């Protein structure tokens, strides 16, 4: 006699099939988008090479980057030689939370429910190997590296991760910091952030708002974030899609009063952000430096010199 499948088991099988279909489709969609973007960028590669061929005197600052593009016959956001690989990534899927995760330093870093485990792995590997967000010399230069041996999050700091997304930088530092504020406006990331930082909820505040120059139901200012904090022992990591200059400009008062503060701020979203942010920080008596190397950021319209500094690091003691 054929064994009867319990209804709960039947629905569980259907749910798992639906999960696989949905996540395989998501992976196909992401792969297709990547291929389309690659095709769109081929003319830009030619444009960049032709520009510096016609203006050789301007190419001296970008010799390594142009050489990489010529040799690889392709555009790449981080135009530097790949030196080493991360190795095996340990990952999984939390069936209760319905979220994929990867293991980072023995901690679970969660990703959105619409992502497959494979896609989460790929994104995590990209953060480590290509973007070098945490350092580690995976490429010859690291334009998107927030910290260095001399500029970094200190034990006992209050960390503001503004534009947190998955919050890899924050998870990496969670054991040594005093408090953590995660500011992320995209609802997609709130569930994964809650899952990742649930073990540390006594010192973590998640704010689902945009950082801005005004306070409202959907926005919050840096001054409001810091109103209950001593303006010292602070580390701010800021990646907010091109709004960095306006937020820093609007926060000059609080930044001028702060002591022992370090800010790692993205500069690649807009054409002249690196120079503008450097000017603001210098006027506030901050010591500044840029991350090494350059990026090619095509979400914004690129124009000569094409290459942009990735991060400005500003420090006030």
C-alpha atoms as a PDB file:
ATOM      1  CA  UNK A   1       0.000   0.000   0.000  1.00  0.00           C
ATOM      2  CA  UNK A   2       1.369   3.420  -0.972  1.00  0.00           C
ATOM      3  CA  UNK A   3       2.364   5.504   2.030  1.00  0.00           C
ATOM      4  CA  UNK A   4       0.258   8.604   2.442  1.00  0.00           C
ATOM      5  CA  UNK A   5       2.024  11.953   2.732  1.00  0.00           C
ATOM      6  CA  UNK A   6       0.850  14.066   5.647  1.00  0.00           C
ATOM      7  CA  UNK A   7      -0.650  17.374   4.594  1.00  0.00           C
ATOM      8  CA  UNK A   8       1.909  19.358   6.627  1.00  0.00           C
ATOM      9  CA  UNK A   9       4.732  17.541   4.867  1.00  0.00           C
ATOM     10  CA  UNK A  10       3.091  18.117   1.487  1.00  0.00           C
ATOM     11  CA  UNK A  11       2.842  21.864   2.061  1.00  0.00           C
ATOM     12  CA  UNK A  12       6.411  21.941   3.323  1.00  0.00           C
ATOM     13  CA  UNK A  13       7.558  20.323   0.063  1.00  0.00           C
ATOM     14  CA  UNK A  14       5.569  22.866  -1.954  1.00  0.00           C
ATOM     15  CA  UNK A  15       7.061  25.720   0.063  1.00  0.00           C
ATOM     16  CA  UNK A  16      10.601  24.436  -0.526  1.00  0.00           C
ATOM     17  CA  UNK A  17       9.958  24.064  -4.260  1.00  0.00           C
ATOM     18  CA  UNK A  18       8.609  27.617  -4.373  1.00  0.00           C
ATOM     19  CA  UNK A  19      11.694  28.812  -2.456  1.00  0.00           C
ATOM     20  CA  UNK A  20      14.043  27.184  -4.969  1.00  0.00           C
ATOM     21  CA  UNK A  21      12.149  28.568  -7.963  1.00  0.00           C
ATOM     22  CA  UNK A  22      12.043  32.077  -6.488  1.00  0.00           C
ATOM     23  CA  UNK A  23      15.728  32.136  -5.546  1.00  0.00           C
ATOM     24  CA  UNK A  24      16.942  30.545  -8.766  1.00  0.00           C
ATOM     25  CA  UNK A  25      14.990  33.200 -10.661  1.00  0.00           C
ATOM     26  CA  UNK A  26      16.535  35.924  -8.506  1.00  0.00           C
ATOM     27  CA  UNK A  27      19.999  34.553  -9.273  1.00  0.00           C
ATOM     28  CA  UNK A  28      19.253  34.454 -13.013  1.00  0.00           C
ATOM     29  CA  UNK A  29      17.946  38.013 -12.830  1.00  0.00           C
ATOM     30  CA  UNK A  30      21.087  39.238 -11.052  1.00  0.00           C
ATOM     31  CA  UNK A  31      23.345  37.420 -13.552  1.00  0.00           C
ATOM     32  CA  UNK A  32      21.433  38.922 -16.492  1.00  0.00           C
ATOM     33  CA  UNK A  33      21.700  42.425 -15.045  1.00  0.00           C
ATOM     34  CA  UNK A  34      25.453  41.947 -14.651  1.00  0.00           C
ATOM     35  CA  UNK A  35      25.822  40.846 -18.285  1.00  0.00           C
ATOM     36  CA  UNK A  36      23.782  43.843 -19.498  1.00  0.00           C
ATOM     37  CA  UNK A  37      25.864  46.248 -17.393  1.00  0.00           C
ATOM     38  CA  UNK A  38      29.061  44.701 -18.771  1.00  0.00           C
ATOM     39  CA  UNK A  39      27.900  45.282 -22.358  1.00  0.00           C
ATOM     40  CA  UNK A  40      26.936  48.873 -21.515  1.00  0.00           C
ATOM     41  CA  UNK A  41      30.377  49.540 -20.051  1.00  0.00           C
ATOM     42  CA  UNK A  42      32.419  48.380 -23.052  1.00  0.00           C
ATOM     43  CA  UNK A  43      32.027  51.734 -24.890  1.00  0.00           C
ATOM     44  CA  UNK A  44      33.060  53.542 -21.700  1.00  0.00           C
ATOM     45  CA  UNK A  45      36.266  51.527 -21.563  1.00  0.00           C
ATOM     46  CA  UNK A  46      37.083  52.643 -25.097  1.00  0.00           C
ATOM     47  CA  UNK A  47      36.149  56.233 -24.254  1.00  0.00           C
ATOM     48  CA  UNK A  48      38.516  56.306 -21.263  1.00  0.00           C
ATOM     49  CA  UNK A  49      41.440  54.837 -23.184  1.00  0.00           C
ATOM     50  CA  UNK A  50      40.891  57.184 -26.132  1.00  0.00           C
ATOM     51  CA  UNK A  51      40.693  60.196 -23.825  1.00  0.00           C
ATOM     52  CA  UNK A  52      44.064  59.488 -22.232  1.00  0.00           C
ATOM     53  CA  UNK A  53      45.603  58.540 -25.561  1.00  0.00           C
ATOM     54  CA  UNK A  54      44.648  62.002 -26.813  1.00  0.00           C
ATOM     55  CA  UNK A  55      45.806  63.615 -23.540  1.00  0.00           C
ATOM     56  CA  UNK A  56      48.915  61.662 -22.507  1.00  0.00           C
ATOM     57  CA  UNK A  57      50.104  64.421 -20.175  1.00  0.00           C
ATOM     58  CA  UNK A  58      47.002  63.796 -18.013  1.00  0.00           C
ATOM     59  CA  UNK A  59      47.553  60.053 -17.720  1.00  0.00           C
ATOM     60  CA  UNK A  60      50.525  60.172 -15.335  1.00  0.00           C
ATOM     61  CA  UNK A  61      48.375  59.950 -12.189  1.00  0.00           C
ATOM     62  CA  UNK A  62      46.511  56.918 -13.536  1.00  0.00           C
ATOM     63  CA  UNK A  63      49.248  54.832 -15.161  1.00  0.00           C
ATOM     64  CA  UNK A  64      48.528  51.681 -13.143  1.00  0.00           C
ATOM     65  CA  UNK A  65      44.774  51.926 -13.666  1.00  0.00           C
ATOM     66  CA  UNK A  66      45.014  52.538 -17.419  1.00  0.00           C
ATOM     67  CA  UNK A  67      47.523  49.726 -17.781  1.00  0.00           C
ATOM     68  CA  UNK A  68      45.133  47.346 -16.010  1.00  0.00           C
ATOM     69  CA  UNK A  69      42.250  48.332 -18.315  1.00  0.00           C
ATOM     70  CA  UNK A  70      44.395  47.875 -21.435  1.00  0.00           C
ATOM     71  CA  UNK A  71      45.740  44.499 -20.347  1.00  0.00           C
ATOM     72  CA  UNK A  72      42.329  43.136 -19.360  1.00  0.00           C
ATOM     73  CA  UNK A  73      40.495  44.779 -22.259  1.00  0.00           C
ATOM     74  CA  UNK A  74      37.623  45.546 -19.921  1.00  0.00           C
ATOM     75  CA  UNK A  75      36.144  48.047 -17.538  1.00  0.00           C
ATOM     76  CA  UNK A  76      36.231  47.238 -13.820  1.00  0.00           C
ATOM     77  CA  UNK A  77      35.146  49.307 -10.810  1.00  0.00           C
ATOM     78  CA  UNK A  78      38.392  48.481  -8.999  1.00  0.00           C
ATOM     79  CA  UNK A  79      41.074  48.405 -11.725  1.00  0.00           C
ATOM     80  CA  UNK A  80      43.782  46.565  -9.790  1.00  0.00           C
ATOM     81  CA  UNK A  81      45.321  43.113  -9.919  1.00  0.00           C
ATOM     82  CA  UNK A  82      43.651  40.411  -7.849  1.00  0.00           C
ATOM     83  CA  UNK A  83      46.274  39.095  -5.411  1.00  0.00           C
ATOM     84  CA  UNK A  84      44.584  36.369  -3.395  1.00  0.00           C
ATOM     85  CA  UNK A  85      41.276  34.684  -2.679  1.00  0.00           C
ATOM     86  CA  UNK A  86      39.176  34.384   0.431  1.00  0.00           C
ATOM     87  CA  UNK A  87      38.813  30.614   0.336  1.00  0.00           C
ATOM     88  CA  UNK A  88      35.730  28.646   1.323  1.00  0.00           C
ATOM     89  CA  UNK A  89      32.812  30.644   2.697  1.00  0.00           C
ATOM     90  CA  UNK A  90      30.650  28.948   5.311  1.00  0.00           C
ATOM     91  CA  UNK A  91      27.001  29.834   4.897  1.00  0.00           C
ATOM     92  CA  UNK A  92      23.467  28.589   5.312  1.00  0.00           C
ATOM     93  CA  UNK A  93      19.769  29.325   5.444  1.00  0.00           C
ATOM     94  CA  UNK A  94      17.799  30.005   8.624  1.00  0.00           C
ATOM     95  CA  UNK A  95      14.494  28.200   8.098  1.00  0.00           C
ATOM     96  CA  UNK A  96      12.802  29.968  10.990  1.00  0.00           C
ATOM     97  CA  UNK A  97      13.796  33.489   9.950  1.00  0.00           C
ATOM     98  CA  UNK A  98      13.726  32.544   6.240  1.00  0.00           C
ATOM     99  CA  UNK A  99      16.989  34.390   5.656  1.00  0.00           C
ATOM    100  CA  UNK A 100      20.303  33.360   4.090  1.00  0.00           C
ATOM    101  CA  UNK A 101      23.507  34.054   5.985  1.00  0.00           C
ATOM    102  CA  UNK A 102      27.283  33.744   5.760  1.00  0.00           C
ATOM    103  CA  UNK A 103      29.638  33.180   8.654  1.00  0.00           C
ATOM    104  CA  UNK A 104      31.966  36.091   9.348  1.00  0.00           C
ATOM    105  CA  UNK A 105      34.397  35.697  12.254  1.00  0.00           C
ATOM    106  CA  UNK A 106      32.148  32.982  13.738  1.00  0.00           C
ATOM    107  CA  UNK A 107      29.127  35.298  13.544  1.00  0.00           C
ATOM    108  CA  UNK A 108      26.102  35.078  11.243  1.00  0.00           C
ATOM    109  CA  UNK A 109      25.772  37.935   8.761  1.00  0.00           C
ATOM    110  CA  UNK A 110      22.234  37.846   7.350  1.00  0.00           C
ATOM    111  CA  UNK A 111      21.008  38.954   3.922  1.00  0.00           C
ATOM    112  CA  UNK A 112      17.527  39.691   2.467  1.00  0.00           C
ATOM    113  CA  UNK A 113      14.943  36.928   2.212  1.00  0.00           C
ATOM    114  CA  UNK A 114      14.761  37.329  -1.586  1.00  0.00           C
ATOM    115  CA  UNK A 115      18.427  36.323  -1.934  1.00  0.00           C
ATOM    116  CA  UNK A 116      19.681  32.794  -2.390  1.00  0.00           C
ATOM    117  CA  UNK A 117      22.520  31.454  -0.245  1.00  0.00           C
ATOM    118  CA  UNK A 118      24.699  31.382  -3.363  1.00  0.00           C
ATOM    119  CA  UNK A 119      23.991  35.037  -4.103  1.00  0.00           C
ATOM    120  CA  UNK A 120      24.720  35.995  -0.479  1.00  0.00           C
ATOM    121  CA  UNK A 121      28.029  34.119  -0.798  1.00  0.00           C
ATOM    122  CA  UNK A 122      28.873  35.965  -4.019  1.00  0.00           C
ATOM    123  CA  UNK A 123      28.112  39.377  -2.520  1.00  0.00           C
ATOM    124  CA  UNK A 124      30.099  38.642   0.623  1.00  0.00           C
ATOM    125  CA  UNK A 125      33.071  37.453  -1.453  1.00  0.00           C
ATOM    126  CA  UNK A 126      32.825  40.649  -3.501  1.00  0.00           C
ATOM    127  CA  UNK A 127      32.917  42.769  -0.331  1.00  0.00           C
ATOM    128  CA  UNK A 128      36.066  41.000   0.858  1.00  0.00           C
ATOM    129  CA  UNK A 129      37.987  40.254  -2.350  1.00  0.00           C
ATOM    130  CA  UNK A 130      37.036  43.024  -4.785  1.00  0.00           C
ATOM    131  CA  UNK A 131      35.945  45.937  -2.629  1.00  0.00           C
ATOM    132  CA  UNK A 132      38.441  45.151   0.153  1.00  0.00           C
ATOM    133  CA  UNK A 133      36.042  46.830   2.587  1.00  0.00           C
ATOM    134  CA  UNK A 134      37.857  45.303   5.557  1.00  0.00           C
ATOM    135  CA  UNK A 135      41.350  45.430   4.058  1.00  0.00           C
ATOM    136  CA  UNK A 136      43.419  42.294   3.747  1.00  0.00           C
ATOM    137  CA  UNK A 137      45.294  43.118   0.523  1.00  0.00           C
ATOM    138  CA  UNK A 138      43.097  41.051  -1.791  1.00  0.00           C
ATOM    139  CA  UNK A 139      43.846  43.516  -4.588  1.00  0.00           C
ATOM    140  CA  UNK A 140      46.901  45.679  -5.239  1.00  0.00           C
ATOM    141  CA  UNK A 141      45.009  48.768  -4.056  1.00  0.00           C
ATOM    142  CA  UNK A 142      41.861  49.175  -1.973  1.00  0.00           C
ATOM    143  CA  UNK A 143      39.865  52.338  -2.825  1.00  0.00           C
ATOM    144  CA  UNK A 144      36.850  51.200  -0.777  1.00  0.00           C
ATOM    145  CA  UNK A 145      38.687  50.263   2.439  1.00  0.00           C
ATOM    146  CA  UNK A 146      37.315  52.171   5.418  1.00  0.00           C
ATOM    147  CA  UNK A 147      40.022  51.489   8.011  1.00  0.00           C
ATOM    148  CA  UNK A 148      43.815  51.167   8.119  1.00  0.00           C
ATOM    149  CA  UNK A 149      46.379  50.220  10.716  1.00  0.00           C
ATOM    150  CA  UNK A 150      46.489  53.799  11.993  1.00  0.00           C
ATOM    151  CA  UNK A 151      42.916  54.903  11.243  1.00  0.00           C
ATOM    152  CA  UNK A 152      40.395  52.524  12.706  1.00  0.00           C
ATOM    153  CA  UNK A 153      37.595  51.819  15.158  1.00  0.00           C
ATOM    154  CA  UNK A 154      38.922  51.867  18.728  1.00  0.00           C
ATOM    155  CA  UNK A 155      37.905  49.721  21.667  1.00  0.00           C
ATOM    156  CA  UNK A 156      35.095  51.507  23.504  1.00  0.00           C
ATOM    157  CA  UNK A 157      34.048  53.654  20.538  1.00  0.00           C
ATOM    158  CA  UNK A 158      30.490  54.544  19.636  1.00  0.00           C
ATOM    159  CA  UNK A 159      30.089  53.521  15.991  1.00  0.00           C
ATOM    160  CA  UNK A 160      27.629  55.160  13.605  1.00  0.00           C
ATOM    161  CA  UNK A 161      27.147  53.036  10.492  1.00  0.00           C
ATOM    162  CA  UNK A 162      25.296  55.448   8.223  1.00  0.00           C
ATOM    163  CA  UNK A 163      24.003  53.703   5.123  1.00  0.00           C
ATOM    164  CA  UNK A 164      24.552  50.375   6.830  1.00  0.00           C
ATOM    165  CA  UNK A 165      23.068  47.916   4.281  1.00  0.00           C
ATOM    166  CA  UNK A 166      24.322  44.489   5.506  1.00  0.00           C
ATOM    167  CA  UNK A 167      26.580  46.204   8.134  1.00  0.00           C
ATOM    168  CA  UNK A 168      29.652  44.033   7.579  1.00  0.00           C
ATOM    169  CA  UNK A 169      31.944  46.723   9.015  1.00  0.00           C
ATOM    170  CA  UNK A 170      29.812  46.933  12.154  1.00  0.00           C
ATOM    171  CA  UNK A 171      29.617  43.177  12.686  1.00  0.00           C
ATOM    172  CA  UNK A 172      33.378  42.985  12.293  1.00  0.00           C
ATOM    173  CA  UNK A 173      33.803  45.526  15.131  1.00  0.00           C
ATOM    174  CA  UNK A 174      30.834  44.620  17.341  1.00  0.00           C
ATOM    175  CA  UNK A 175      32.794  42.988  20.168  1.00  0.00           C
ATOM    176  CA  UNK A 176      35.030  45.985  20.856  1.00  0.00           C
ATOM    177  CA  UNK A 177      32.644  48.935  20.531  1.00  0.00           C
ATOM    178  CA  UNK A 178      30.507  50.456  23.291  1.00  0.00           C
ATOM    179  CA  UNK A 179      27.465  51.347  21.198  1.00  0.00           C
ATOM    180  CA  UNK A 180      26.312  50.920  17.630  1.00  0.00           C
ATOM    181  CA  UNK A 181      23.831  52.969  15.622  1.00  0.00           C
ATOM    182  CA  UNK A 182      22.757  51.422  12.307  1.00  0.00           C
ATOM    183  CA  UNK A 183      21.072  53.942  10.024  1.00  0.00           C
ATOM    184  CA  UNK A 184      19.527  52.333   6.955  1.00  0.00           C
ATOM    185  CA  UNK A 185      16.624  53.783   4.956  1.00  0.00           C
ATOM    186  CA  UNK A 186      15.968  50.758   2.716  1.00  0.00           C
ATOM    187  CA  UNK A 187      13.330  48.460   4.314  1.00  0.00           C
ATOM    188  CA  UNK A 188      14.936  45.503   2.515  1.00  0.00           C
ATOM    189  CA  UNK A 189      17.788  45.494   5.051  1.00  0.00           C
ATOM    190  CA  UNK A 190      15.895  45.959   8.322  1.00  0.00           C
ATOM    191  CA  UNK A 191      14.947  42.301   8.792  1.00  0.00           C
ATOM    192  CA  UNK A 192      18.494  41.026   8.084  1.00  0.00           C
ATOM    193  CA  UNK A 193      19.984  43.711  10.364  1.00  0.00           C
ATOM    194  CA  UNK A 194      17.691  42.697  13.217  1.00  0.00           C
ATOM    195  CA  UNK A 195      18.692  39.075  12.729  1.00  0.00           C
ATOM    196  CA  UNK A 196      22.428  39.790  12.540  1.00  0.00           C
ATOM    197  CA  UNK A 197      22.525  42.000  15.623  1.00  0.00           C
ATOM    198  CA  UNK A 198      19.956  40.222  17.798  1.00  0.00           C
ATOM    199  CA  UNK A 199      22.748  38.754  20.003  1.00  0.00           C
ATOM    200  CA  UNK A 200      24.004  42.321  20.669  1.00  0.00           C
ATOM    201  CA  UNK A 201      20.677  44.144  20.937  1.00  0.00           C
ATOM    202  CA  UNK A 202      21.576  45.713  24.307  1.00  0.00           C
ATOM    203  CA  UNK A 203      24.083  47.981  22.573  1.00  0.00           C
ATOM    204  CA  UNK A 204      22.600  48.266  19.067  1.00  0.00           C
ATOM    205  CA  UNK A 205      20.022  50.755  17.772  1.00  0.00           C
ATOM    206  CA  UNK A 206      18.606  50.284  14.261  1.00  0.00           C
ATOM    207  CA  UNK A 207      17.064  53.377  12.659  1.00  0.00           C
ATOM    208  CA  UNK A 208      15.053  52.930   9.458  1.00  0.00           C
ATOM    209  CA  UNK A 209      15.436  56.509   8.220  1.00  0.00           C
ATOM    210  CA  UNK A 210      17.438  58.613   5.815  1.00  0.00           C
ATOM    211  CA  UNK A 211      20.234  60.687   7.297  1.00  0.00           C
ATOM    212  CA  UNK A 212      19.484  64.277   6.314  1.00  0.00           C
ATOM    213  CA  UNK A 213      19.780  67.955   7.186  1.00  0.00           C
ATOM    214  CA  UNK A 214      16.300  67.935   8.774  1.00  0.00           C
ATOM    215  CA  UNK A 215      14.438  65.770  11.287  1.00  0.00           C
ATOM    216  CA  UNK A 216      11.115  64.282  10.202  1.00  0.00           C
ATOM    217  CA  UNK A 217       9.156  61.021  10.235  1.00  0.00           C
ATOM    218  CA  UNK A 218      11.447  59.621   7.545  1.00  0.00           C
ATOM    219  CA  UNK A 219      14.703  61.535   8.129  1.00  0.00           C
ATOM    220  CA  UNK A 220      17.129  62.187  10.960  1.00  0.00           C
ATOM    221  CA  UNK A 221      20.073  64.538  11.394  1.00  0.00           C
ATOM    222  CA  UNK A 222      23.521  63.690  12.685  1.00  0.00           C
ATOM    223  CA  UNK A 223      22.960  66.135  15.540  1.00  0.00           C
ATOM    224  CA  UNK A 224      19.845  64.234  16.632  1.00  0.00           C
ATOM    225  CA  UNK A 225      21.670  60.930  16.442  1.00  0.00           C
ATOM    226  CA  UNK A 226      24.367  62.232  18.745  1.00  0.00           C
ATOM    227  CA  UNK A 227      22.237  64.297  21.134  1.00  0.00           C
ATOM    228  CA  UNK A 228      22.519  61.692  23.917  1.00  0.00           C
ATOM    229  CA  UNK A 229      26.148  60.803  23.228  1.00  0.00           C
ATOM    230  CA  UNK A 230      29.347  62.393  24.422  1.00  0.00           C
ATOM    231  CA  UNK A 231      31.004  63.964  21.401  1.00  0.00           C
ATOM    232  CA  UNK A 232      34.134  61.874  21.808  1.00  0.00           C
ATOM    233  CA  UNK A 233      35.317  58.334  21.068  1.00  0.00           C
ATOM    234  CA  UNK A 234      33.237  58.313  17.887  1.00  0.00           C
ATOM    235  CA  UNK A 235      33.719  56.507  14.599  1.00  0.00           C
ATOM    236  CA  UNK A 236      31.405  57.352  11.707  1.00  0.00           C
ATOM    237  CA  UNK A 237      31.235  55.252   8.566  1.00  0.00           C
ATOM    238  CA  UNK A 238      29.144  56.962   5.883  1.00  0.00           C
ATOM    239  CA  UNK A 239      27.979  55.519   2.558  1.00  0.00           C
ATOM    240  CA  UNK A 240      24.760  57.269   1.515  1.00  0.00           C
ATOM    241  CA  UNK A 241      24.656  57.246  -2.283  1.00  0.00           C
ATOM    242  CA  UNK A 242      25.864  60.759  -3.035  1.00  0.00           C
ATOM    243  CA  UNK A 243      24.321  62.671  -0.124  1.00  0.00           C
ATOM    244  CA  UNK A 244      27.558  62.661   1.867  1.00  0.00           C
ATOM    245  CA  UNK A 245      28.522  66.256   1.083  1.00  0.00           C
ATOM    246  CA  UNK A 246      25.125  67.718   2.001  1.00  0.00           C
ATOM    247  CA  UNK A 247      24.960  65.795   5.283  1.00  0.00           C
ATOM    248  CA  UNK A 248      28.514  66.731   6.307  1.00  0.00           C
ATOM    249  CA  UNK A 249      27.851  70.361   5.346  1.00  0.00           C
ATOM    250  CA  UNK A 250      24.682  70.399   7.470  1.00  0.00           C
ATOM    251  CA  UNK A 251      26.524  68.773  10.393  1.00  0.00           C
ATOM    252  CA  UNK A 252      29.428  71.207  10.665  1.00  0.00           C
ATOM    253  CA  UNK A 253      28.360  72.505  14.060  1.00  0.00           C
ATOM    254  CA  UNK A 254      28.297  69.124  15.781  1.00  0.00           C
ATOM    255  CA  UNK A 255      31.448  67.984  13.964  1.00  0.00           C
ATOM    256  CA  UNK A 256      33.319  71.113  15.023  1.00  0.00           C
ATOM    257  CA  UNK A 257      32.487  70.416  18.694  1.00  0.00           C
ATOM    258  CA  UNK A 258      33.411  66.721  18.625  1.00  0.00           C
ATOM    259  CA  UNK A 259      36.744  65.406  19.891  1.00  0.00           C
ATOM    260  CA  UNK A 260      38.445  62.077  19.235  1.00  0.00           C
ATOM    261  CA  UNK A 261      36.263  61.495  16.222  1.00  0.00           C
ATOM    262  CA  UNK A 262      37.116  59.584  13.059  1.00  0.00           C
ATOM    263  CA  UNK A 263      34.998  59.691   9.901  1.00  0.00           C
ATOM    264  CA  UNK A 264      35.330  57.338   6.924  1.00  0.00           C
ATOM    265  CA  UNK A 265      33.160  58.830   4.211  1.00  0.00           C
ATOM    266  CA  UNK A 266      32.534  57.702   0.631  1.00  0.00           C
ATOM    267  CA  UNK A 267      33.633  60.157  -2.053  1.00  0.00           C
ATOM    268  CA  UNK A 268      33.002  58.205  -5.257  1.00  0.00           C
ATOM    269  CA  UNK A 269      29.280  58.807  -5.795  1.00  0.00           C
ATOM    270  CA  UNK A 270      29.656  62.236  -7.415  1.00  0.00           C
ATOM    271  CA  UNK A 271      32.251  63.842  -9.621  1.00  0.00           C
ATOM    272  CA  UNK A 272      33.753  66.395  -7.231  1.00  0.00           C
ATOM    273  CA  UNK A 273      32.825  64.958  -3.810  1.00  0.00           C
ATOM    274  CA  UNK A 274      36.401  64.145  -2.812  1.00  0.00           C
ATOM    275  CA  UNK A 275      37.546  67.764  -3.184  1.00  0.00           C
ATOM    276  CA  UNK A 276      34.399  69.215  -1.585  1.00  0.00           C
ATOM    277  CA  UNK A 277      34.551  66.941   1.451  1.00  0.00           C
ATOM    278  CA  UNK A 278      38.270  67.533   1.895  1.00  0.00           C
ATOM    279  CA  UNK A 279      37.628  71.285   1.897  1.00  0.00           C
ATOM    280  CA  UNK A 280      34.882  71.002   4.535  1.00  0.00           C
ATOM    281  CA  UNK A 281      36.911  68.766   6.838  1.00  0.00           C
ATOM    282  CA  UNK A 282      40.038  70.885   6.494  1.00  0.00           C
ATOM    283  CA  UNK A 283      38.080  74.015   7.454  1.00  0.00           C
ATOM    284  CA  UNK A 284      36.910  72.161  10.585  1.00  0.00           C
ATOM    285  CA  UNK A 285      40.555  71.409  11.492  1.00  0.00           C
ATOM    286  CA  UNK A 286      40.308  67.717  10.682  1.00  0.00           C
ATOM    287  CA  UNK A 287      43.328  65.829   9.435  1.00  0.00           C
ATOM    288  CA  UNK A 288      42.421  64.048   6.169  1.00  0.00           C
ATOM    289  CA  UNK A 289      43.679  61.331   3.870  1.00  0.00           C
ATOM    290  CA  UNK A 290      42.232  59.414   0.930  1.00  0.00           C
ATOM    291  CA  UNK A 291      42.088  55.669   0.506  1.00  0.00           C
ATOM    292  CA  UNK A 292      44.639  54.296  -1.929  1.00  0.00           C
ATOM    293  CA  UNK A 293      43.821  54.067  -5.605  1.00  0.00           C
ATOM    294  CA  UNK A 294      40.756  55.064  -7.601  1.00  0.00           C
ATOM    295  CA  UNK A 295      37.325  53.806  -8.577  1.00  0.00           C
ATOM    296  CA  UNK A 296      35.274  53.938 -11.767  1.00  0.00           C
ATOM    297  CA  UNK A 297      31.695  54.502 -10.642  1.00  0.00           C
ATOM    298  CA  UNK A 298      29.247  54.327 -13.550  1.00  0.00           C
ATOM    299  CA  UNK A 299      25.958  54.659 -11.692  1.00  0.00           C
ATOM    300  CA  UNK A 300      26.711  58.368 -11.823  1.00  0.00           C
ATOM    301  CA  UNK A 301      27.613  59.826 -15.224  1.00  0.00           C
ATOM    302  CA  UNK A 302      31.394  59.692 -15.548  1.00  0.00           C
ATOM    303  CA  UNK A 303      33.369  62.486 -17.129  1.00  0.00           C
ATOM    304  CA  UNK A 304      37.098  63.246 -17.254  1.00  0.00           C
ATOM    305  CA  UNK A 305      39.208  62.381 -15.391  1.00  0.00           C
ATOM    306  CA  UNK A 306      36.791  59.410 -14.862  1.00  0.00           C
ATOM    307  CA  UNK A 307      38.748  58.000 -11.918  1.00  0.00           C
ATOM    308  CA  UNK A 308      37.470  58.954  -8.452  1.00  0.00           C
ATOM    309  CA  UNK A 309      38.829  58.619  -4.942  1.00  0.00           C
ATOM    310  CA  UNK A 310      36.801  56.066  -3.000  1.00  0.00           C
ATOM    311  CA  UNK A 311      37.005  57.103   0.661  1.00  0.00           C
ATOM    312  CA  UNK A 312      38.109  60.164   2.604  1.00  0.00           C
ATOM    313  CA  UNK A 313      39.261  59.511   6.158  1.00  0.00           C
ATOM    314  CA  UNK A 314      38.992  62.518   8.469  1.00  0.00           C
ATOM    315  CA  UNK A 315      40.186  62.654  12.061  1.00  0.00           C
ATOM    316  CA  UNK A 316      39.956  65.192  14.863  1.00  0.00           C
ATOM    317  CA  UNK A 317      41.764  64.543  18.122  1.00  0.00           C
END
